[in-house]
C-alpha cells in the first residue's frame, strides 16, 4: 500500500493559516514582552527623576538653612558689637563727666581758699 503525501488546496491553506497564527502568536508574545520591558524602563526613569528632584530640593533647603543660620549669626554678632561699643562710649562719657566734676570741685575749693586768704589778709 502506498501512502500519498499530497495536500490539496484546502489543506495547504489550513497549514499556512496554522503556521501564520503560530508566528503571529510568537510576534504577539514578543510584543507583550517588549511592552513589559518598556513599562519597567519608564517606571525606573520616573523613579530616578523623582529621586533627582527630591535631591535637588534637599540641597536647596540645606543651602537656605545654612544661609539663614549665617545671617542670624552675623546679625547677633553685630548686635553684640554695637552693645559693646555703646557700653564703652557710656563708660568713657561717665569717666569724662566725673573728671570734669572733680576739676570743677577742685577749682571751686581753690577759689574759696584764695578768697578766704585774701579776706583774712586784707
C-alpha atoms as a PDB file:
ATOM      1  CA  UNK A   1       0.000   0.000   0.000  1.00  0.00           C
ATOM      2  CA  UNK A   2       1.337   3.350  -0.978  1.00  0.00           C
ATOM      3  CA  UNK A   3       0.970   6.409   1.285  1.00  0.00           C
ATOM      4  CA  UNK A   4       0.162   9.592  -0.532  1.00  0.00           C
ATOM      5  CA  UNK A   5       1.828  12.709   0.724  1.00  0.00           C
ATOM      6  CA  UNK A   6      -0.067  15.107  -1.380  1.00  0.00           C
ATOM      7  CA  UNK A   7      -2.106  18.010   0.014  1.00  0.00           C
ATOM      8  CA  UNK A   8      -4.972  19.601  -1.781  1.00  0.00           C
ATOM      9  CA  UNK A   9      -5.584  23.372  -1.813  1.00  0.00           C
ATOM     10  CA  UNK A  10      -7.731  23.464   1.332  1.00  0.00           C
ATOM     11  CA  UNK A  11      -5.208  21.520   3.363  1.00  0.00           C
ATOM     12  CA  UNK A  12      -2.385  23.858   2.216  1.00  0.00           C
ATOM     13  CA  UNK A  13      -4.482  26.900   3.199  1.00  0.00           C
ATOM     14  CA  UNK A  14      -5.171  25.420   6.660  1.00  0.00           C
ATOM     15  CA  UNK A  15      -1.487  24.535   7.107  1.00  0.00           C
ATOM     16  CA  UNK A  16      -0.486  28.094   6.137  1.00  0.00           C
ATOM     17  CA  UNK A  17      -3.143  29.520   8.474  1.00  0.00           C
ATOM     18  CA  UNK A  18      -1.807  27.440  11.407  1.00  0.00           C
ATOM     19  CA  UNK A  19       1.788  28.430  10.633  1.00  0.00           C
ATOM     20  CA  UNK A  20       0.866  32.132  10.409  1.00  0.00           C
ATOM     21  CA  UNK A  21      -1.218  32.048  13.578  1.00  0.00           C
ATOM     22  CA  UNK A  22       1.703  30.448  15.423  1.00  0.00           C
ATOM     23  CA  UNK A  23       4.051  33.073  14.007  1.00  0.00           C
ATOM     24  CA  UNK A  24       1.551  35.778  14.931  1.00  0.00           C
ATOM     25  CA  UNK A  25       1.277  34.304  18.417  1.00  0.00           C
ATOM     26  CA  UNK A  26       5.053  34.481  18.799  1.00  0.00           C
ATOM     27  CA  UNK A  27       5.015  38.026  17.488  1.00  0.00           C
ATOM     28  CA  UNK A  28       2.267  38.955  19.969  1.00  0.00           C
ATOM     29  CA  UNK A  29       4.235  37.349  22.839  1.00  0.00           C
ATOM     30  CA  UNK A  30       7.377  39.285  21.848  1.00  0.00           C
ATOM     31  CA  UNK A  31       5.278  42.443  21.585  1.00  0.00           C
ATOM     32  CA  UNK A  32       3.918  41.865  25.111  1.00  0.00           C
ATOM     33  CA  UNK A  33       7.452  41.262  26.435  1.00  0.00           C
ATOM     34  CA  UNK A  34       8.586  44.494  24.798  1.00  0.00           C
ATOM     35  CA  UNK A  35       5.641  46.360  26.344  1.00  0.00           C
ATOM     36  CA  UNK A  36       6.522  44.916  29.756  1.00  0.00           C
ATOM     37  CA  UNK A  37      10.156  45.983  29.353  1.00  0.00           C
ATOM     38  CA  UNK A  38       9.074  49.483  28.290  1.00  0.00           C
ATOM     39  CA  UNK A  39       6.762  49.756  31.331  1.00  0.00           C
ATOM     40  CA  UNK A  40       9.622  48.755  33.652  1.00  0.00           C
ATOM     41  CA  UNK A  41      12.063  51.169  31.981  1.00  0.00           C
ATOM     42  CA  UNK A  42       9.538  54.028  32.203  1.00  0.00           C
ATOM     43  CA  UNK A  43       8.932  53.235  35.890  1.00  0.00           C
ATOM     44  CA  UNK A  44      12.676  53.237  36.585  1.00  0.00           C
ATOM     45  CA  UNK A  45      13.111  56.538  34.715  1.00  0.00           C
ATOM     46  CA  UNK A  46      10.235  58.104  36.675  1.00  0.00           C
ATOM     47  CA  UNK A  47      11.745  56.908  39.964  1.00  0.00           C
ATOM     48  CA  UNK A  48      15.175  58.275  39.001  1.00  0.00           C
ATOM     49  CA  UNK A  49      13.651  61.635  38.024  1.00  0.00           C
ATOM     50  CA  UNK A  50      11.700  61.816  41.303  1.00  0.00           C
ATOM     51  CA  UNK A  51      14.831  60.953  43.312  1.00  0.00           C
ATOM     52  CA  UNK A  52      16.875  63.599  41.459  1.00  0.00           C
ATOM     53  CA  UNK A  53      14.172  66.231  42.014  1.00  0.00           C
ATOM     54  CA  UNK A  54      13.991  65.339  45.712  1.00  0.00           C
ATOM     55  CA  UNK A  55      17.777  65.570  45.999  1.00  0.00           C
ATOM     56  CA  UNK A  56      17.761  68.994  44.338  1.00  0.00           C
ATOM     57  CA  UNK A  57      15.011  70.149  46.711  1.00  0.00           C
ATOM     58  CA  UNK A  58      17.010  68.805  49.666  1.00  0.00           C
ATOM     59  CA  UNK A  59      20.151  70.638  48.526  1.00  0.00           C
ATOM     60  CA  UNK A  60      18.179  73.878  48.098  1.00  0.00           C
ATOM     61  CA  UNK A  61      16.655  73.502  51.579  1.00  0.00           C
ATOM     62  CA  UNK A  62      20.070  72.827  53.121  1.00  0.00           C
ATOM     63  CA  UNK A  63      21.563  75.860  51.354  1.00  0.00           C
ATOM     64  CA  UNK A  64      18.685  78.076  52.522  1.00  0.00           C
ATOM     65  CA  UNK A  65      19.047  76.828  56.105  1.00  0.00           C
ATOM     66  CA  UNK A  66      22.804  77.441  56.060  1.00  0.00           C
ATOM     67  CA  UNK A  67      22.313  80.948  54.659  1.00  0.00           C
ATOM     68  CA  UNK A  68      19.679  81.742  57.308  1.00  0.00           C
ATOM     69  CA  UNK A  69      21.942  80.459  60.099  1.00  0.00           C
ATOM     70  CA  UNK A  70      24.879  82.504  58.813  1.00  0.00           C
ATOM     71  CA  UNK A  71      22.720  85.639  58.556  1.00  0.00           C
ATOM     72  CA  UNK A  72      21.385  85.125  62.093  1.00  0.00           C
ATOM     73  CA  UNK A  73      24.905  84.609  63.465  1.00  0.00           C
ATOM     74  CA  UNK A  74      26.157  87.744  61.697  1.00  0.00           C
ATOM     75  CA  UNK A  75      23.211  89.794  62.999  1.00  0.00           C
ATOM     76  CA  UNK A  76      23.787  88.534  66.551  1.00  0.00           C
ATOM     77  CA  UNK A  77      27.486  89.373  66.315  1.00  0.00           C
ATOM     78  CA  UNK A  78      26.716  92.864  65.003  1.00  0.00           C
ATOM     79  CA  UNK A  79      24.236  93.438  67.849  1.00  0.00           C
ATOM     80  CA  UNK A  80      26.820  92.283  70.395  1.00  0.00           C
ATOM     81  CA  UNK A  81      29.410  94.594  68.832  1.00  0.00           C
ATOM     82  CA  UNK A  82      27.005  97.539  68.930  1.00  0.00           C
ATOM     83  CA  UNK A  83      26.188  96.844  72.599  1.00  0.00           C
ATOM     84  CA  UNK A  84      29.894  96.653  73.477  1.00  0.00           C
ATOM     85  CA  UNK A  85      30.595  99.925  71.656  1.00  0.00           C
ATOM     86  CA  UNK A  86      27.651 101.631  73.396  1.00  0.00           C
ATOM     87  CA  UNK A  87      28.856 100.393  76.792  1.00  0.00           C
ATOM     88  CA  UNK A  88      32.378 101.665  76.068  1.00  0.00           C
ATOM     89  CA  UNK A  89      31.030 105.058  74.989  1.00  0.00           C
ATOM     90  CA  UNK A  90      28.866 105.312  78.118  1.00  0.00           C
ATOM     91  CA  UNK A  91      31.812 104.406  80.355  1.00  0.00           C
ATOM     92  CA  UNK A  92      34.020 106.991  78.649  1.00  0.00           C
ATOM     93  CA  UNK A  93      31.339 109.669  78.988  1.00  0.00           C
ATOM     94  CA  UNK A  94      30.849 108.856  82.679  1.00  0.00           C
ATOM     95  CA  UNK A  95      34.606 108.996  83.296  1.00  0.00           C
ATOM     96  CA  UNK A  96      34.852 112.329  81.473  1.00  0.00           C
ATOM     97  CA  UNK A  97      31.920 113.743  83.459  1.00  0.00           C
ATOM     98  CA  UNK A  98      33.459 112.556  86.741  1.00  0.00           C
ATOM     99  CA  UNK A  99      36.834 114.049  85.837  1.00  0.00           C
ATOM    100  CA  UNK A 100      35.201 117.348  84.863  1.00  0.00           C
ATOM    101  CA  UNK A 101      33.244 117.396  88.128  1.00  0.00           C
ATOM    102  CA  UNK A 102      36.406 116.720  90.135  1.00  0.00           C
ATOM    103  CA  UNK A 103      38.205 119.508  88.306  1.00  0.00           C
ATOM    104  CA  UNK A 104      35.289 121.874  88.929  1.00  0.00           C
ATOM    105  CA  UNK A 105      35.233 120.956  92.621  1.00  0.00           C
ATOM    106  CA  UNK A 106      38.992 121.487  92.902  1.00  0.00           C
ATOM    107  CA  UNK A 107      38.736 124.848  91.152  1.00  0.00           C
ATOM    108  CA  UNK A 108      35.883 125.913  93.426  1.00  0.00           C
ATOM    109  CA  UNK A 109      37.830 124.848  96.515  1.00  0.00           C
ATOM    110  CA  UNK A 110      40.904 126.706  95.308  1.00  0.00           C
ATOM    111  CA  UNK A 111      38.837 129.826  94.601  1.00  0.00           C
ATOM    112  CA  UNK A 112      37.198 129.647  98.027  1.00  0.00           C
ATOM    113  CA  UNK A 113      40.561 129.196  99.715  1.00  0.00           C
ATOM    114  CA  UNK A 114      42.018 132.121  97.784  1.00  0.00           C
ATOM    115  CA  UNK A 115      39.035 134.306  98.658  1.00  0.00           C
ATOM    116  CA  UNK A 116      39.294 133.343 102.323  1.00  0.00           C
ATOM    117  CA  UNK A 117      43.040 134.043 102.355  1.00  0.00           C
ATOM    118  CA  UNK A 118      42.518 137.390 100.656  1.00  0.00           C
ATOM    119  CA  UNK A 119      39.764 138.363 103.081  1.00  0.00           C
ATOM    120  CA  UNK A 120      41.770 137.298 106.111  1.00  0.00           C
ATOM    121  CA  UNK A 121      44.900 139.067 104.926  1.00  0.00           C
ATOM    122  CA  UNK A 122      43.153 142.247 103.983  1.00  0.00           C
END
